[in-house]
Amino acid sequence: KLDIDAASSVELNDKKKLIRYIEIVKSTGVSLSN
């Protein structure tokens, strides 16, 4: 819901990366690529 491109790059069951990506997008207010 926050960043579909970032979500598509995450490996199966890699919760660590998902949490970090959510953290970045929520903190910056922009997509991971930006």
Full PDB file with SEQRES, HELIX, SHEET, SSBOND, CRYST1, ORIGX, SCALE, CONECT and MASTER records, all heavy atoms in Angstrom:
SEQRES   1 A   34  LYS LEU ASP ILE ASP ALA ALA SER SER VAL GLU LEU ASN          
SEQRES   2 A   34  ASP LYS LYS LYS LEU ILE ARG TYR ILE GLU ILE VAL LYS          
SEQRES   3 A   34  SER THR GLY VAL SER LEU SER ASN                              
HELIX    1 AA1 ILE A    4  SER A    8  1                                   5    
HELIX    2 AA2 LYS A   15  THR A   28  1                                  14    
CRYST1    1.000    1.000    1.000  90.00  90.00  90.00 P 1           1          
ORIGX1      1.000000  0.000000  0.000000        0.00000                         
ORIGX2      0.000000  1.000000  0.000000        0.00000                         
ORIGX3      0.000000  0.000000  1.000000        0.00000                         
SCALE1      1.000000  0.000000  0.000000        0.00000                         
SCALE2      0.000000  1.000000  0.000000        0.00000                         
SCALE3      0.000000  0.000000  1.000000        0.00000                         
ATOM      1  N   LYS A   1       0.815  -1.206   0.000  1.00  0.00           N  
ATOM      2  CA  LYS A   1       0.000   0.000   0.000  1.00  0.00           C  
ATOM      3  C   LYS A   1       0.857   1.268   0.000  1.00  0.00           C  
ATOM      4  O   LYS A   1       0.446   2.304  -0.509  1.00  0.00           O  
ATOM      5  CB  LYS A   1      -0.919   0.007   1.219  1.00  0.00           C  
ATOM      6  CG  LYS A   1      -1.970  -1.106   1.198  1.00  0.00           C  
ATOM      7  CD  LYS A   1      -2.795  -1.126   2.482  1.00  0.00           C  
ATOM      8  CE  LYS A   1      -3.803  -2.262   2.465  1.00  0.00           C  
ATOM      9  NZ  LYS A   1      -4.580  -2.340   3.733  1.00  0.00           N  
ATOM     10  N   LEU A   2       2.074   1.153   0.550  1.00  0.00           N  
ATOM     11  CA  LEU A   2       2.956   2.319   0.636  1.00  0.00           C  
ATOM     12  C   LEU A   2       3.828   2.479  -0.607  1.00  0.00           C  
ATOM     13  O   LEU A   2       4.049   3.585  -1.090  1.00  0.00           O  
ATOM     14  CB  LEU A   2       3.864   2.205   1.869  1.00  0.00           C  
ATOM     15  CG  LEU A   2       3.195   2.256   3.239  1.00  0.00           C  
ATOM     16  CD1 LEU A   2       4.210   1.909   4.320  1.00  0.00           C  
ATOM     17  CD2 LEU A   2       2.617   3.649   3.487  1.00  0.00           C  
ATOM     18  N   ASP A   3       4.345   1.344  -1.104  1.00  0.00           N  
ATOM     19  CA  ASP A   3       5.330   1.397  -2.195  1.00  0.00           C  
ATOM     20  C   ASP A   3       5.361   0.028  -2.864  1.00  0.00           C  
ATOM     21  O   ASP A   3       6.096  -0.867  -2.444  1.00  0.00           O  
ATOM     22  CB  ASP A   3       6.709   1.763  -1.636  1.00  0.00           C  
ATOM     23  CG  ASP A   3       7.748   1.995  -2.725  1.00  0.00           C  
ATOM     24  OD1 ASP A   3       7.512   1.586  -3.866  1.00  0.00           O  
ATOM     25  OD2 ASP A   3       8.793   2.578  -2.408  1.00  0.00           O  
ATOM     26  N   ILE A   4       4.597  -0.137  -3.942  1.00  0.00           N  
ATOM     27  CA  ILE A   4       4.465  -1.447  -4.581  1.00  0.00           C  
ATOM     28  C   ILE A   4       5.780  -1.902  -5.199  1.00  0.00           C  
ATOM     29  O   ILE A   4       6.103  -3.093  -5.213  1.00  0.00           O  
ATOM     30  CB  ILE A   4       3.333  -1.418  -5.642  1.00  0.00           C  
ATOM     31  CG1 ILE A   4       3.043  -2.844  -6.128  1.00  0.00           C  
ATOM     32  CG2 ILE A   4       3.679  -0.482  -6.794  1.00  0.00           C  
ATOM     33  CD1 ILE A   4       1.797  -2.940  -6.973  1.00  0.00           C  
ATOM     34  N   ASP A   5       6.589  -0.960  -5.722  1.00  0.00           N  
ATOM     35  CA  ASP A   5       7.869  -1.340  -6.322  1.00  0.00           C  
ATOM     36  C   ASP A   5       8.835  -1.889  -5.277  1.00  0.00           C  
ATOM     37  O   ASP A   5       9.539  -2.871  -5.519  1.00  0.00           O  
ATOM     38  CB  ASP A   5       8.508  -0.140  -7.035  1.00  0.00           C  
ATOM     39  CG  ASP A   5       7.757   0.235  -8.302  1.00  0.00           C  
ATOM     40  OD1 ASP A   5       7.093  -0.657  -8.874  1.00  0.00           O  
ATOM     41  OD2 ASP A   5       7.824   1.396  -8.718  1.00  0.00           O  
ATOM     42  N   ALA A   6       8.866  -1.238  -4.128  1.00  0.00           N  
ATOM     43  CA  ALA A   6       9.744  -1.711  -3.047  1.00  0.00           C  
ATOM     44  C   ALA A   6       9.296  -3.087  -2.578  1.00  0.00           C  
ATOM     45  O   ALA A   6      10.118  -3.977  -2.334  1.00  0.00           O  
ATOM     46  CB  ALA A   6       9.739  -0.724  -1.894  1.00  0.00           C  
ATOM     47  N   ALA A   7       7.988  -3.286  -2.485  1.00  0.00           N  
ATOM     48  CA  ALA A   7       7.461  -4.567  -2.012  1.00  0.00           C  
ATOM     49  C   ALA A   7       7.821  -5.702  -2.968  1.00  0.00           C  
ATOM     50  O   ALA A   7       8.099  -6.823  -2.543  1.00  0.00           O  
ATOM     51  CB  ALA A   7       5.945  -4.484  -1.853  1.00  0.00           C  
ATOM     52  N   SER A   8       7.844  -5.416  -4.264  1.00  0.00           N  
ATOM     53  CA  SER A   8       8.127  -6.454  -5.258  1.00  0.00           C  
ATOM     54  C   SER A   8       9.576  -6.915  -5.231  1.00  0.00           C  
ATOM     55  O   SER A   8       9.904  -7.956  -5.800  1.00  0.00           O  
ATOM     56  CB  SER A   8       7.782  -5.941  -6.663  1.00  0.00           C  
ATOM     57  OG  SER A   8       8.654  -4.881  -7.031  1.00  0.00           O  
ATOM     58  N   SER A   9      10.443  -6.153  -4.569  1.00  0.00           N  
ATOM     59  CA  SER A   9      11.860  -6.502  -4.537  1.00  0.00           C  
ATOM     60  C   SER A   9      12.254  -7.322  -3.321  1.00  0.00           C  
ATOM     61  O   SER A   9      13.408  -7.741  -3.188  1.00  0.00           O  
ATOM     62  CB  SER A   9      12.713  -5.225  -4.567  1.00  0.00           C  
ATOM     63  OG  SER A   9      12.609  -4.521  -3.338  1.00  0.00           O  
ATOM     64  N   VAL A  10      11.297  -7.587  -2.437  1.00  0.00           N  
ATOM     65  CA  VAL A  10      11.614  -8.274  -1.181  1.00  0.00           C  
ATOM     66  C   VAL A  10      11.519  -9.782  -1.361  1.00  0.00           C  
ATOM     67  O   VAL A  10      10.569 -10.301  -1.933  1.00  0.00           O  
ATOM     68  CB  VAL A  10      10.653  -7.822  -0.055  1.00  0.00           C  
ATOM     69  CG1 VAL A  10      10.978  -8.562   1.243  1.00  0.00           C  
ATOM     70  CG2 VAL A  10      10.776  -6.321   0.163  1.00  0.00           C  
ATOM     71  N   GLU A  11      12.539 -10.495  -0.860  1.00  0.00           N  
ATOM     72  CA  GLU A  11      12.569 -11.944  -0.938  1.00  0.00           C  
ATOM     73  C   GLU A  11      11.567 -12.554   0.041  1.00  0.00           C  
ATOM     74  O   GLU A  11      11.222 -11.947   1.054  1.00  0.00           O  
ATOM     75  CB  GLU A  11      13.978 -12.465  -0.630  1.00  0.00           C  
ATOM     76  CG  GLU A  11      15.027 -11.952  -1.612  1.00  0.00           C  
ATOM     77  CD  GLU A  11      16.438 -12.254  -1.143  1.00  0.00           C  
ATOM     78  OE1 GLU A  11      16.587 -12.985  -0.138  1.00  0.00           O  
ATOM     79  OE2 GLU A  11      17.387 -11.763  -1.765  1.00  0.00           O  
ATOM     80  N   LEU A  12      11.129 -13.768  -0.269  1.00  0.00           N  
ATOM     81  CA  LEU A  12      10.147 -14.462   0.554  1.00  0.00           C  
ATOM     82  C   LEU A  12      10.622 -14.581   1.999  1.00  0.00           C  
ATOM     83  O   LEU A  12      11.750 -14.980   2.262  1.00  0.00           O  
ATOM     84  CB  LEU A  12       9.885 -15.857  -0.016  1.00  0.00           C  
ATOM     85  CG  LEU A  12       8.847 -16.708   0.714  1.00  0.00           C  
ATOM     86  CD1 LEU A  12       7.473 -16.090   0.604  1.00  0.00           C  
ATOM     87  CD2 LEU A  12       8.852 -18.128   0.160  1.00  0.00           C  
ATOM     88  N   ASN A  13       9.743 -14.179   2.916  1.00  0.00           N  
ATOM     89  CA  ASN A  13       9.973 -14.292   4.369  1.00  0.00           C  
ATOM     90  C   ASN A  13      11.080 -13.382   4.901  1.00  0.00           C  
ATOM     91  O   ASN A  13      11.539 -13.571   6.028  1.00  0.00           O  
ATOM     92  CB  ASN A  13      10.265 -15.744   4.768  1.00  0.00           C  
ATOM     93  CG  ASN A  13       9.038 -16.615   4.685  1.00  0.00           C  
ATOM     94  OD1 ASN A  13       7.925 -16.152   4.935  1.00  0.00           O  
ATOM     95  ND2 ASN A  13       9.208 -17.869   4.314  1.00  0.00           N  
ATOM     96  N   ASP A  14      11.504 -12.401   4.104  1.00  0.00           N  
ATOM     97  CA  ASP A  14      12.536 -11.476   4.586  1.00  0.00           C  
ATOM     98  C   ASP A  14      11.846 -10.331   5.337  1.00  0.00           C  
ATOM     99  O   ASP A  14      11.699  -9.214   4.822  1.00  0.00           O  
ATOM    100  CB  ASP A  14      13.362 -10.943   3.417  1.00  0.00           C  
ATOM    101  CG  ASP A  14      14.619 -10.216   3.878  1.00  0.00           C  
ATOM    102  OD1 ASP A  14      14.695  -9.883   5.081  1.00  0.00           O  
ATOM    103  OD2 ASP A  14      15.511  -9.981   3.056  1.00  0.00           O  
ATOM    104  N   LYS A  15      11.424 -10.618   6.567  1.00  0.00           N  
ATOM    105  CA  LYS A  15      10.718  -9.620   7.373  1.00  0.00           C  
ATOM    106  C   LYS A  15      11.619  -8.430   7.691  1.00  0.00           C  
ATOM    107  O   LYS A  15      11.152  -7.294   7.774  1.00  0.00           O  
ATOM    108  CB  LYS A  15      10.205 -10.252   8.670  1.00  0.00           C  
ATOM    109  CG  LYS A  15       9.031 -11.202   8.486  1.00  0.00           C  
ATOM    110  CD  LYS A  15       8.574 -11.799   9.806  1.00  0.00           C  
ATOM    111  CE  LYS A  15       8.140 -10.743  10.803  1.00  0.00           C  
ATOM    112  NZ  LYS A  15       7.599 -11.331  12.049  1.00  0.00           N  
ATOM    113  N   LYS A  16      12.900  -8.692   7.889  1.00  0.00           N  
ATOM    114  CA  LYS A  16      13.841  -7.624   8.216  1.00  0.00           C  
ATOM    115  C   LYS A  16      13.827  -6.532   7.144  1.00  0.00           C  
ATOM    116  O   LYS A  16      13.763  -5.344   7.443  1.00  0.00           O  
ATOM    117  CB  LYS A  16      15.248  -8.203   8.359  1.00  0.00           C  
ATOM    118  CG  LYS A  16      16.348  -7.171   8.479  1.00  0.00           C  
ATOM    119  CD  LYS A  16      17.712  -7.841   8.390  1.00  0.00           C  
ATOM    120  CE  LYS A  16      18.797  -6.815   8.155  1.00  0.00           C  
ATOM    121  NZ  LYS A  16      20.114  -7.447   7.924  1.00  0.00           N  
ATOM    122  N   LYS A  17      13.877  -6.953   5.887  1.00  0.00           N  
ATOM    123  CA  LYS A  17      13.902  -5.985   4.795  1.00  0.00           C  
ATOM    124  C   LYS A  17      12.550  -5.265   4.690  1.00  0.00           C  
ATOM    125  O   LYS A  17      12.506  -4.053   4.451  1.00  0.00           O  
ATOM    126  CB  LYS A  17      14.242  -6.668   3.480  1.00  0.00           C  
ATOM    127  CG  LYS A  17      14.508  -5.708   2.333  1.00  0.00           C  
ATOM    128  CD  LYS A  17      14.992  -6.446   1.103  1.00  0.00           C  
ATOM    129  CE  LYS A  17      16.373  -7.017   1.307  1.00  0.00           C  
ATOM    130  NZ  LYS A  17      16.898  -7.663   0.076  1.00  0.00           N  
ATOM    131  N   LEU A  18      11.464  -5.998   4.847  1.00  0.00           N  
ATOM    132  CA  LEU A  18      10.147  -5.367   4.808  1.00  0.00           C  
ATOM    133  C   LEU A  18      10.030  -4.281   5.872  1.00  0.00           C  
ATOM    134  O   LEU A  18       9.545  -3.173   5.597  1.00  0.00           O  
ATOM    135  CB  LEU A  18       9.055  -6.420   5.019  1.00  0.00           C  
ATOM    136  CG  LEU A  18       8.611  -7.252   3.815  1.00  0.00           C  
ATOM    137  CD1 LEU A  18       7.628  -8.313   4.254  1.00  0.00           C  
ATOM    138  CD2 LEU A  18       8.005  -6.369   2.733  1.00  0.00           C  
ATOM    139  N   ILE A  19      10.465  -4.602   7.083  1.00  0.00           N  
ATOM    140  CA  ILE A  19      10.381  -3.633   8.183  1.00  0.00           C  
ATOM    141  C   ILE A  19      11.229  -2.406   7.886  1.00  0.00           C  
ATOM    142  O   ILE A  19      10.798  -1.266   8.106  1.00  0.00           O  
ATOM    143  CB  ILE A  19      10.811  -4.294   9.511  1.00  0.00           C  
ATOM    144  CG1 ILE A  19       9.754  -5.320   9.945  1.00  0.00           C  
ATOM    145  CG2 ILE A  19      11.008  -3.253  10.612  1.00  0.00           C  
ATOM    146  CD1 ILE A  19      10.162  -6.176  11.125  1.00  0.00           C  
ATOM    147  N   ARG A  20      12.417  -2.623   7.364  1.00  0.00           N  
ATOM    148  CA  ARG A  20      13.294  -1.489   7.056  1.00  0.00           C  
ATOM    149  C   ARG A  20      12.697  -0.624   5.943  1.00  0.00           C  
ATOM    150  O   ARG A  20      12.727   0.609   6.022  1.00  0.00           O  
ATOM    151  CB  ARG A  20      14.674  -1.994   6.642  1.00  0.00           C  
ATOM    152  CG  ARG A  20      15.673  -0.884   6.263  1.00  0.00           C  
ATOM    153  CD  ARG A  20      15.847   0.133   7.378  1.00  0.00           C  
ATOM    154  NE  ARG A  20      16.868   1.132   7.028  1.00  0.00           N  
ATOM    155  CZ  ARG A  20      17.035   2.280   7.662  1.00  0.00           C  
ATOM    156  NH1 ARG A  20      16.243   2.597   8.684  1.00  0.00           N  
ATOM    157  NH2 ARG A  20      17.973   3.134   7.301  1.00  0.00           N  
ATOM    158  N   TYR A  21      12.132  -1.248   4.930  1.00  0.00           N  
ATOM    159  CA  TYR A  21      11.546  -0.481   3.834  1.00  0.00           C  
ATOM    160  C   TYR A  21      10.338   0.330   4.318  1.00  0.00           C  
ATOM    161  O   TYR A  21      10.163   1.492   3.925  1.00  0.00           O  
ATOM    162  CB  TYR A  21      11.134  -1.418   2.695  1.00  0.00           C  
ATOM    163  CG  TYR A  21      12.283  -1.948   1.865  1.00  0.00           C  
ATOM    164  CD1 TYR A  21      13.603  -1.596   2.160  1.00  0.00           C  
ATOM    165  CD2 TYR A  21      12.064  -2.810   0.798  1.00  0.00           C  
ATOM    166  CE1 TYR A  21      14.658  -2.090   1.395  1.00  0.00           C  
ATOM    167  CE2 TYR A  21      13.106  -3.297   0.030  1.00  0.00           C  
ATOM    168  CZ  TYR A  21      14.394  -2.943   0.336  1.00  0.00           C  
ATOM    169  OH  TYR A  21      15.441  -3.434  -0.415  1.00  0.00           O  
ATOM    170  N   ILE A  22       9.499  -0.295   5.149  1.00  0.00           N  
ATOM    171  CA  ILE A  22       8.351   0.432   5.704  1.00  0.00           C  
ATOM    172  C   ILE A  22       8.847   1.616   6.532  1.00  0.00           C  
ATOM    173  O   ILE A  22       8.299   2.724   6.455  1.00  0.00           O  
ATOM    174  CB  ILE A  22       7.482  -0.509   6.564  1.00  0.00           C  
ATOM    175  CG1 ILE A  22       6.802  -1.560   5.673  1.00  0.00           C  
ATOM    176  CG2 ILE A  22       6.428   0.285   7.348  1.00  0.00           C  
ATOM    177  CD1 ILE A  22       6.123  -2.683   6.450  1.00  0.00           C  
ATOM    178  N   GLU A  23       9.870   1.377   7.315  1.00  0.00           N  
ATOM    179  CA  GLU A  23      10.459   2.416   8.154  1.00  0.00           C  
ATOM    180  C   GLU A  23      10.944   3.598   7.312  1.00  0.00           C  
ATOM    181  O   GLU A  23      10.685   4.762   7.634  1.00  0.00           O  
ATOM    182  CB  GLU A  23      11.627   1.806   8.942  1.00  0.00           C  
ATOM    183  CG  GLU A  23      12.348   2.753   9.875  1.00  0.00           C  
ATOM    184  CD  GLU A  23      13.479   2.037  10.588  1.00  0.00           C  
ATOM    185  OE1 GLU A  23      14.356   1.462   9.905  1.00  0.00           O  
ATOM    186  OE2 GLU A  23      13.489   2.046  11.826  1.00  0.00           O  
ATOM    187  N   ILE A  24      11.625   3.308   6.216  1.00  0.00           N  
ATOM    188  CA  ILE A  24      12.164   4.363   5.350  1.00  0.00           C  
ATOM    189  C   ILE A  24      11.047   5.159   4.692  1.00  0.00           C  
ATOM    190  O   ILE A  24      11.050   6.393   4.684  1.00  0.00           O  
ATOM    191  CB  ILE A  24      13.088   3.753   4.276  1.00  0.00           C  
ATOM    192  CG1 ILE A  24      14.364   3.205   4.932  1.00  0.00           C  
ATOM    193  CG2 ILE A  24      13.444   4.795   3.216  1.00  0.00           C  
ATOM    194  CD1 ILE A  24      15.223   2.393   3.992  1.00  0.00           C  
ATOM    195  N   VAL A  25      10.064   4.453   4.120  1.00  0.00           N  
ATOM    196  CA  VAL A  25       8.977   5.126   3.410  1.00  0.00           C  
ATOM    197  C   VAL A  25       8.145   5.971   4.368  1.00  0.00           C  
ATOM    198  O   VAL A  25       7.775   7.118   4.055  1.00  0.00           O  
ATOM    199  CB  VAL A  25       8.096   4.089   2.681  1.00  0.00           C  
ATOM    200  CG1 VAL A  25       6.880   4.775   2.058  1.00  0.00           C  
ATOM    201  CG2 VAL A  25       8.903   3.367   1.607  1.00  0.00           C  
ATOM    202  N   LYS A  26       7.850   5.434   5.548  1.00  0.00           N  
ATOM    203  CA  LYS A  26       7.082   6.205   6.532  1.00  0.00           C  
ATOM    204  C   LYS A  26       7.867   7.418   7.029  1.00  0.00           C  
ATOM    205  O   LYS A  26       7.299   8.495   7.242  1.00  0.00           O  
ATOM    206  CB  LYS A  26       6.700   5.302   7.710  1.00  0.00           C  
ATOM    207  CG  LYS A  26       5.518   4.376   7.439  1.00  0.00           C  
ATOM    208  CD  LYS A  26       5.168   3.568   8.673  1.00  0.00           C  
ATOM    209  CE  LYS A  26       3.874   2.801   8.499  1.00  0.00           C  
ATOM    210  NZ  LYS A  26       2.684   3.689   8.481  1.00  0.00           N  
ATOM    211  N   SER A  27       9.162   7.257   7.220  1.00  0.00           N  
ATOM    212  CA  SER A  27       9.985   8.336   7.750  1.00  0.00           C  
ATOM    213  C   SER A  27      10.176   9.463   6.744  1.00  0.00           C  
ATOM    214  O   SER A  27      10.110  10.642   7.087  1.00  0.00           O  
ATOM    215  CB  SER A  27      11.351   7.798   8.177  1.00  0.00           C  
ATOM    216  OG  SER A  27      12.210   8.835   8.589  1.00  0.00           O  
ATOM    217  N   THR A  28      10.411   9.094   5.475  1.00  0.00           N  
ATOM    218  CA  THR A  28      10.715  10.107   4.452  1.00  0.00           C  
ATOM    219  C   THR A  28       9.470  10.637   3.761  1.00  0.00           C  
ATOM    220  O   THR A  28       9.484  11.749   3.213  1.00  0.00           O  
ATOM    221  CB  THR A  28      11.654   9.523   3.387  1.00  0.00           C  
ATOM    222  OG1 THR A  28      11.013   8.411   2.731  1.00  0.00           O  
ATOM    223  CG2 THR A  28      12.961   9.061   4.022  1.00  0.00           C  
ATOM    224  N   GLY A  29       8.396   9.842   3.743  1.00  0.00           N  
ATOM    225  CA  GLY A  29       7.189  10.263   3.065  1.00  0.00           C  
ATOM    226  C   GLY A  29       7.249  10.121   1.553  1.00  0.00           C  
ATOM    227  O   GLY A  29       6.363  10.596   0.842  1.00  0.00           O  
ATOM    228  N   VAL A  30       8.304   9.458   1.061  1.00  0.00           N  
ATOM    229  CA  VAL A  30       8.443   9.232  -0.389  1.00  0.00           C  
ATOM    230  C   VAL A  30       8.737   7.756  -0.631  1.00  0.00           C  
ATOM    231  O   VAL A  30       8.994   6.995   0.303  1.00  0.00           O  
ATOM    232  CB  VAL A  30       9.576  10.099  -0.993  1.00  0.00           C  
ATOM    233  CG1 VAL A  30       9.270  11.582  -0.818  1.00  0.00           C  
ATOM    234  CG2 VAL A  30      10.924   9.749  -0.366  1.00  0.00           C  
ATOM    235  N   SER A  31       8.701   7.347  -1.894  1.00  0.00           N  
ATOM    236  CA  SER A  31       8.980   5.952  -2.224  1.00  0.00           C  
ATOM    237  C   SER A  31      10.432   5.613  -1.915  1.00  0.00           C  
ATOM    238  O   SER A  31      11.289   6.499  -1.778  1.00  0.00           O  
ATOM    239  CB  SER A  31       8.705   5.694  -3.705  1.00  0.00           C  
ATOM    240  OG  SER A  31       9.650   6.396  -4.500  1.00  0.00           O  
ATOM    241  N   LEU A  32      10.706   4.326  -1.815  1.00  0.00           N  
ATOM    242  CA  LEU A  32      12.067   3.884  -1.497  1.00  0.00           C  
ATOM    243  C   LEU A  32      13.055   4.354  -2.551  1.00  0.00           C  
ATOM    244  O   LEU A  32      14.160   4.803  -2.231  1.00  0.00           O  
ATOM    245  CB  LEU A  32      12.091   2.357  -1.389  1.00  0.00           C  
ATOM    246  CG  LEU A  32      13.432   1.735  -1.003  1.00  0.00           C  
ATOM    247  CD1 LEU A  32      13.801   2.123   0.419  1.00  0.00           C  
ATOM    248  CD2 LEU A  32      13.384   0.211  -1.144  1.00  0.00           C  
ATOM    249  N   SER A  33      12.676   4.252  -3.834  1.00  0.00           N  
ATOM    250  CA  SER A  33      13.584   4.662  -4.904  1.00  0.00           C  
ATOM    251  C   SER A  33      13.903   6.147  -4.822  1.00  0.00           C  
ATOM    252  O   SER A  33      15.025   6.575  -5.116  1.00  0.00           O  
ATOM    253  CB  SER A  33      12.978   4.325  -6.272  1.00  0.00           C  
ATOM    254  OG  SER A  33      11.745   4.996  -6.453  1.00  0.00           O  
ATOM    255  N   ASN A  34      12.931   6.959  -4.422  1.00  0.00           N  
ATOM    256  CA  ASN A  34      13.179   8.404  -4.282  1.00  0.00           C  
ATOM    257  C   ASN A  34      13.959   8.725  -3.011  1.00  0.00           C  
ATOM    258  O   ASN A  34      14.696   9.714  -2.953  1.00  0.00           O  
ATOM    259  CB  ASN A  34      11.862   9.171  -4.283  1.00  0.00           C  
ATOM    260  CG  ASN A  34      11.217   9.216  -5.649  1.00  0.00           C  
ATOM    261  OD1 ASN A  34      11.897   9.158  -6.665  1.00  0.00           O  
ATOM    262  ND2 ASN A  34       9.890   9.296  -5.687  1.00  0.00           N  
TER     263      ASN A  34                                                      
MASTER        0    0    0    2    0    0    0    6  262    1    0    3          
END                                                                             
